[in-house]
PDB file of N, CA and C in Angstrom:
ATOM      1  N   MET A   1      32.072  80.864 -59.137  1.00  0.00           N
ATOM      2  CA  MET A   1      31.860  81.685 -60.360  1.00  0.00           C
ATOM      3  C   MET A   1      30.412  81.808 -60.477  1.00  0.00           C
ATOM      4  N   LEU A   2      29.927  82.952 -60.626  1.00  0.00           N
ATOM      5  CA  LEU A   2      28.398  83.282 -60.879  1.00  0.00           C
ATOM      6  C   LEU A   2      28.355  83.634 -62.371  1.00  0.00           C
ATOM      7  N   ALA A   3      27.442  83.022 -63.149  1.00  0.00           N
ATOM      8  CA  ALA A   3      27.384  83.375 -64.552  1.00  0.00           C
ATOM      9  C   ALA A   3      25.838  83.555 -64.955  1.00  0.00           C
ATOM     10  N   GLY A   4      25.748  84.114 -66.100  1.00  0.00           N
ATOM     11  CA  GLY A   4      24.311  84.226 -66.627  1.00  0.00           C
ATOM     12  C   GLY A   4      23.901  85.716 -66.784  1.00  0.00           C
ATOM     13  N   SER A   5      23.173  85.999 -67.784  1.00  0.00           N
ATOM     14  CA  SER A   5      22.728  87.300 -68.052  1.00  0.00           C
ATOM     15  C   SER A   5      22.080  88.035 -67.033  1.00  0.00           C
ATOM     16  N   VAL A   6      21.506  87.295 -66.040  1.00  0.00           N
ATOM     17  CA  VAL A   6      20.801  87.930 -64.927  1.00  0.00           C
ATOM     18  C   VAL A   6      21.820  88.593 -63.979  1.00  0.00           C
ATOM     19  N   LEU A   7      23.059  88.180 -64.046  1.00  0.00           N
ATOM     20  CA  LEU A   7      24.142  88.579 -63.215  1.00  0.00           C
ATOM     21  C   LEU A   7      25.031  89.500 -63.895  1.00  0.00           C
ATOM     22  N   THR A   8      25.138  89.364 -65.208  1.00  0.00           N
ATOM     23  CA  THR A   8      26.052  90.243 -65.930  1.00  0.00           C
ATOM     24  C   THR A   8      25.331  91.584 -66.574  1.00  0.00           C
ATOM     25  N   SER A   9      24.039  91.593 -66.449  1.00  0.00           N
ATOM     26  CA  SER A   9      23.273  92.820 -66.959  1.00  0.00           C
ATOM     27  C   SER A   9      22.743  93.552 -65.725  1.00  0.00           C
ATOM     28  N   GLU A  10      22.539  94.821 -65.878  1.00  0.00           N
ATOM     29  CA  GLU A  10      22.124  95.633 -64.733  1.00  0.00           C
ATOM     30  C   GLU A  10      20.676  95.214 -64.454  1.00  0.00           C
ATOM     31  N   GLY A  11      20.385  95.180 -63.186  1.00  0.00           N
ATOM     32  CA  GLY A  11      19.040  94.768 -62.816  1.00  0.00           C
ATOM     33  C   GLY A  11      19.016  94.476 -61.340  1.00  0.00           C
ATOM     34  N   PRO A  12      17.773  94.213 -60.741  1.00  0.00           N
ATOM     35  CA  PRO A  12      17.687  93.989 -59.323  1.00  0.00           C
ATOM     36  C   PRO A  12      18.507  92.755 -58.780  1.00  0.00           C
ATOM     37  N   VAL A  13      18.573  91.659 -59.468  1.00  0.00           N
ATOM     38  CA  VAL A  13      19.257  90.479 -59.034  1.00  0.00           C
ATOM     39  C   VAL A  13      20.810  90.839 -59.044  1.00  0.00           C
ATOM     40  N   ARG A  14      21.364  91.367 -59.974  1.00  0.00           N
ATOM     41  CA  ARG A  14      22.692  91.867 -60.008  1.00  0.00           C
ATOM     42  C   ARG A  14      23.059  92.804 -58.750  1.00  0.00           C
ATOM     43  N   ARG A  15      22.236  93.777 -58.492  1.00  0.00           N
ATOM     44  CA  ARG A  15      22.385  94.694 -57.445  1.00  0.00           C
ATOM     45  C   ARG A  15      22.370  93.898 -56.171  1.00  0.00           C
ATOM     46  N   ALA A  16      21.350  93.125 -55.968  1.00  0.00           N
ATOM     47  CA  ALA A  16      21.310  92.387 -54.780  1.00  0.00           C
ATOM     48  C   ALA A  16      22.498  91.439 -54.547  1.00  0.00           C
ATOM     49  N   VAL A  17      23.051  90.706 -55.440  1.00  0.00           N
ATOM     50  CA  VAL A  17      24.241  89.928 -55.408  1.00  0.00           C
ATOM     51  C   VAL A  17      25.471  90.694 -55.128  1.00  0.00           C
ATOM     52  N   LEU A  18      25.517  91.898 -55.806  1.00  0.00           N
ATOM     53  CA  LEU A  18      26.715  92.733 -55.488  1.00  0.00           C
ATOM     54  C   LEU A  18      26.678  93.332 -54.088  1.00  0.00           C
ATOM     55  N   ALA A  19      25.536  93.663 -53.710  1.00  0.00           N
ATOM     56  CA  ALA A  19      25.362  94.113 -52.266  1.00  0.00           C
ATOM     57  C   ALA A  19      25.827  93.150 -51.262  1.00  0.00           C
ATOM     58  N   ARG A  20      25.278  91.820 -51.479  1.00  0.00           N
ATOM     59  CA  ARG A  20      25.679  90.795 -50.557  1.00  0.00           C
ATOM     60  C   ARG A  20      27.155  90.505 -50.684  1.00  0.00           C
ATOM     61  N   LEU A  21      27.791  90.708 -51.697  1.00  0.00           N
ATOM     62  CA  LEU A  21      29.199  90.539 -51.808  1.00  0.00           C
ATOM     63  C   LEU A  21      30.009  91.811 -51.468  1.00  0.00           C
ATOM     64  N   SER A  22      29.412  92.894 -50.917  1.00  0.00           N
ATOM     65  CA  SER A  22      30.073  93.994 -50.552  1.00  0.00           C
ATOM     66  C   SER A  22      31.359  93.679 -49.694  1.00  0.00           C
ATOM     67  N   GLY A  23      32.411  94.317 -50.100  1.00  0.00           N
ATOM     68  CA  GLY A  23      33.721  94.227 -49.370  1.00  0.00           C
ATOM     69  C   GLY A  23      34.575  93.090 -50.152  1.00  0.00           C
ATOM     70  N   GLU A  24      33.940  92.284 -51.033  1.00  0.00           N
ATOM     71  CA  GLU A  24      34.783  91.301 -51.755  1.00  0.00           C
ATOM     72  C   GLU A  24      35.117  91.856 -53.054  1.00  0.00           C
ATOM     73  N   ARG A  25      36.197  91.308 -53.603  1.00  0.00           N
ATOM     74  CA  ARG A  25      36.584  91.671 -55.002  1.00  0.00           C
ATOM     75  C   ARG A  25      35.636  90.963 -55.972  1.00  0.00           C
ATOM     76  N   VAL A  26      34.963  91.719 -56.800  1.00  0.00           N
ATOM     77  CA  VAL A  26      34.041  91.189 -57.821  1.00  0.00           C
ATOM     78  C   VAL A  26      34.302  91.593 -59.196  1.00  0.00           C
ATOM     79  N   THR A  27      34.355  90.699 -60.201  1.00  0.00           N
ATOM     80  CA  THR A  27      34.735  91.096 -61.460  1.00  0.00           C
ATOM     81  C   THR A  27      33.693  90.328 -62.332  1.00  0.00           C
ATOM     82  N   THR A  28      33.332  91.013 -63.436  1.00  0.00           N
ATOM     83  CA  THR A  28      32.413  90.449 -64.300  1.00  0.00           C
ATOM     84  C   THR A  28      33.114  89.909 -65.591  1.00  0.00           C
ATOM     85  N   ALA A  29      32.958  88.546 -65.752  1.00  0.00           N
ATOM     86  CA  ALA A  29      33.656  87.994 -66.911  1.00  0.00           C
ATOM     87  C   ALA A  29      32.950  88.450 -68.118  1.00  0.00           C
ATOM     88  N   ARG A  30      33.753  88.537 -69.270  1.00  0.00           N
ATOM     89  CA  ARG A  30      33.199  89.002 -70.607  1.00  0.00           C
ATOM     90  C   ARG A  30      32.754  87.818 -71.342  1.00  0.00           C
ATOM     91  N   ASP A  31      33.449  86.648 -71.124  1.00  0.00           N
ATOM     92  CA  ASP A  31      33.026  85.368 -71.838  1.00  0.00           C
ATOM     93  C   ASP A  31      32.839  84.377 -70.708  1.00  0.00           C
ATOM     94  N   ALA A  32      31.669  84.061 -70.376  1.00  0.00           N
ATOM     95  CA  ALA A  32      31.394  83.053 -69.316  1.00  0.00           C
ATOM     96  C   ALA A  32      32.025  81.731 -69.421  1.00  0.00           C
ATOM     97  N   ALA A  33      31.920  81.128 -70.712  1.00  0.00           N
ATOM     98  CA  ALA A  33      32.574  79.899 -70.954  1.00  0.00           C
ATOM     99  C   ALA A  33      33.982  79.885 -70.756  1.00  0.00           C
ATOM    100  N   GLY A  34      34.674  80.918 -71.353  1.00  0.00           N
ATOM    101  CA  GLY A  34      36.152  81.079 -71.098  1.00  0.00           C
ATOM    102  C   GLY A  34      36.511  81.313 -69.679  1.00  0.00           C
ATOM    103  N   ALA A  35      35.775  82.034 -68.976  1.00  0.00           N
ATOM    104  CA  ALA A  35      35.889  82.193 -67.592  1.00  0.00           C
ATOM    105  C   ALA A  35      35.890  80.936 -66.781  1.00  0.00           C
ATOM    106  N   ALA A  36      34.855  80.099 -67.167  1.00  0.00           N
ATOM    107  CA  ALA A  36      34.816  78.746 -66.483  1.00  0.00           C
ATOM    108  C   ALA A  36      35.926  77.898 -66.795  1.00  0.00           C
ATOM    109  N   ALA A  37      36.409  77.969 -68.114  1.00  0.00           N
ATOM    110  CA  ALA A  37      37.551  77.170 -68.497  1.00  0.00           C
ATOM    111  C   ALA A  37      38.901  77.633 -67.650  1.00  0.00           C
ATOM    112  N   TRP A  38      38.990  78.938 -67.562  1.00  0.00           N
ATOM    113  CA  TRP A  38      40.148  79.409 -66.782  1.00  0.00           C
ATOM    114  C   TRP A  38      40.171  78.996 -65.382  1.00  0.00           C
ATOM    115  N   LEU A  39      38.953  78.994 -64.782  1.00  0.00           N
ATOM    116  CA  LEU A  39      38.837  78.625 -63.293  1.00  0.00           C
ATOM    117  C   LEU A  39      39.292  77.063 -63.246  1.00  0.00           C
ATOM    118  N   ALA A  40      38.861  76.326 -64.316  1.00  0.00           N
ATOM    119  CA  ALA A  40      39.261  74.939 -64.153  1.00  0.00           C
ATOM    120  C   ALA A  40      40.740  74.729 -64.482  1.00  0.00           C
ATOM    121  N   ALA A  41      41.216  75.478 -65.397  1.00  0.00           N
ATOM    122  CA  ALA A  41      42.690  75.326 -65.725  1.00  0.00           C
ATOM    123  C   ALA A  41      43.664  75.997 -64.739  1.00  0.00           C
ATOM    124  N   ARG A  42      43.243  76.912 -63.939  1.00  0.00           N
ATOM    125  CA  ARG A  42      44.338  77.627 -63.100  1.00  0.00           C
ATOM    126  C   ARG A  42      44.918  76.862 -62.102  1.00  0.00           C
ATOM    127  N   ASP A  43      44.265  75.863 -61.615  1.00  0.00           N
ATOM    128  CA  ASP A  43      44.923  74.925 -60.632  1.00  0.00           C
ATOM    129  C   ASP A  43      46.078  74.094 -61.269  1.00  0.00           C
ATOM    130  N   LEU A  44      46.067  74.018 -62.660  1.00  0.00           N
ATOM    131  CA  LEU A  44      47.173  73.308 -63.287  1.00  0.00           C
ATOM    132  C   LEU A  44      48.245  74.240 -63.843  1.00  0.00           C
ATOM    133  N   LEU A  45      48.067  75.438 -63.761  1.00  0.00           N
ATOM    134  CA  LEU A  45      48.994  76.386 -64.239  1.00  0.00           C
ATOM    135  C   LEU A  45      49.769  77.017 -63.120  1.00  0.00           C
ATOM    136  N   SER A  46      51.122  77.383 -63.408  1.00  0.00           N
ATOM    137  CA  SER A  46      51.937  78.044 -62.392  1.00  0.00           C
ATOM    138  C   SER A  46      51.290  79.557 -62.090  1.00  0.00           C
ATOM    139  N   ASP A  47      51.619  80.196 -61.164  1.00  0.00           N
ATOM    140  CA  ASP A  47      50.991  81.550 -60.739  1.00  0.00           C
ATOM    141  C   ASP A  47      51.431  82.333 -62.056  1.00  0.00           C
ATOM    142  N   ASP A  48      52.646  82.529 -62.461  1.00  0.00           N
ATOM    143  CA  ASP A  48      52.937  83.228 -63.517  1.00  0.00           C
ATOM    144  C   ASP A  48      52.096  83.052 -64.912  1.00  0.00           C
ATOM    145  N   ASP A  49      52.052  81.606 -65.234  1.00  0.00           N
ATOM    146  CA  ASP A  49      51.193  81.355 -66.372  1.00  0.00           C
ATOM    147  C   ASP A  49      49.798  81.634 -66.195  1.00  0.00           C
ATOM    148  N   SER A  50      49.145  81.536 -65.024  1.00  0.00           N
ATOM    149  CA  SER A  50      47.844  81.881 -64.675  1.00  0.00           C
ATOM    150  C   SER A  50      47.619  83.352 -65.031  1.00  0.00           C
ATOM    151  N   ARG A  51      48.573  84.192 -64.480  1.00  0.00           N
ATOM    152  CA  ARG A  51      48.297  85.595 -64.701  1.00  0.00           C
ATOM    153  C   ARG A  51      48.451  85.940 -66.140  1.00  0.00           C
ATOM    154  N   ALA A  52      49.521  85.401 -66.722  1.00  0.00           N
ATOM    155  CA  ALA A  52      49.750  85.661 -68.279  1.00  0.00           C
ATOM    156  C   ALA A  52      48.578  85.208 -69.096  1.00  0.00           C
ATOM    157  N   LEU A  53      47.928  84.086 -68.679  1.00  0.00           N
ATOM    158  CA  LEU A  53      46.852  83.549 -69.669  1.00  0.00           C
ATOM    159  C   LEU A  53      45.376  83.982 -69.299  1.00  0.00           C
ATOM    160  N   HIS A  54      45.268  84.601 -68.222  1.00  0.00           N
ATOM    161  CA  HIS A  54      43.918  85.001 -67.704  1.00  0.00           C
ATOM    162  C   HIS A  54      43.163  85.841 -68.834  1.00  0.00           C
ATOM    163  N   ALA A  55      43.724  86.810 -69.569  1.00  0.00           N
ATOM    164  CA  ALA A  55      43.029  87.528 -70.602  1.00  0.00           C
ATOM    165  C   ALA A  55      42.693  86.646 -71.798  1.00  0.00           C
ATOM    166  N   ALA A  56      43.491  85.707 -72.148  1.00  0.00           N
ATOM    167  CA  ALA A  56      43.273  84.779 -73.312  1.00  0.00           C
ATOM    168  C   ALA A  56      41.977  84.018 -72.941  1.00  0.00           C
ATOM    169  N   PHE A  57      41.712  83.690 -71.707  1.00  0.00           N
ATOM    170  CA  PHE A  57      40.532  82.821 -71.395  1.00  0.00           C
ATOM    171  C   PHE A  57      39.269  83.685 -71.214  1.00  0.00           C
ATOM    172  N   THR A  58      39.373  84.841 -70.824  1.00  0.00           N
ATOM    173  CA  THR A  58      38.266  85.638 -70.294  1.00  0.00           C
ATOM    174  C   THR A  58      37.744  86.886 -71.068  1.00  0.00           C
ATOM    175  N   LEU A  59      38.640  87.254 -72.067  1.00  0.00           N
ATOM    176  CA  LEU A  59      38.166  88.311 -72.901  1.00  0.00           C
ATOM    177  C   LEU A  59      37.166  87.906 -73.928  1.00  0.00           C
ATOM    178  N   SER A  60      36.231  88.784 -74.297  1.00  0.00           N
ATOM    179  CA  SER A  60      35.252  88.235 -75.362  1.00  0.00           C
ATOM    180  C   SER A  60      36.028  87.956 -76.673  1.00  0.00           C
ATOM    181  N   PRO A  61      35.514  86.873 -77.375  1.00  0.00           N
ATOM    182  CA  PRO A  61      36.208  86.439 -78.577  1.00  0.00           C
ATOM    183  C   PRO A  61      35.957  87.655 -79.621  1.00  0.00           C
TER     184      PRO A  61
END
């Protein structure tokens, strides 16, 4: 997970990182703390629960 305003806002660093990850699936989390919590929790969740709860962890409050 990459986080921080330098990667979530338009600018040269974001463009360079996205270019480097070309061909990979890239998504931008709306809530970085929630996204980090989801990444930590997903190994403890079933696939169905992981999919069902993803939005609860990653959408902006």
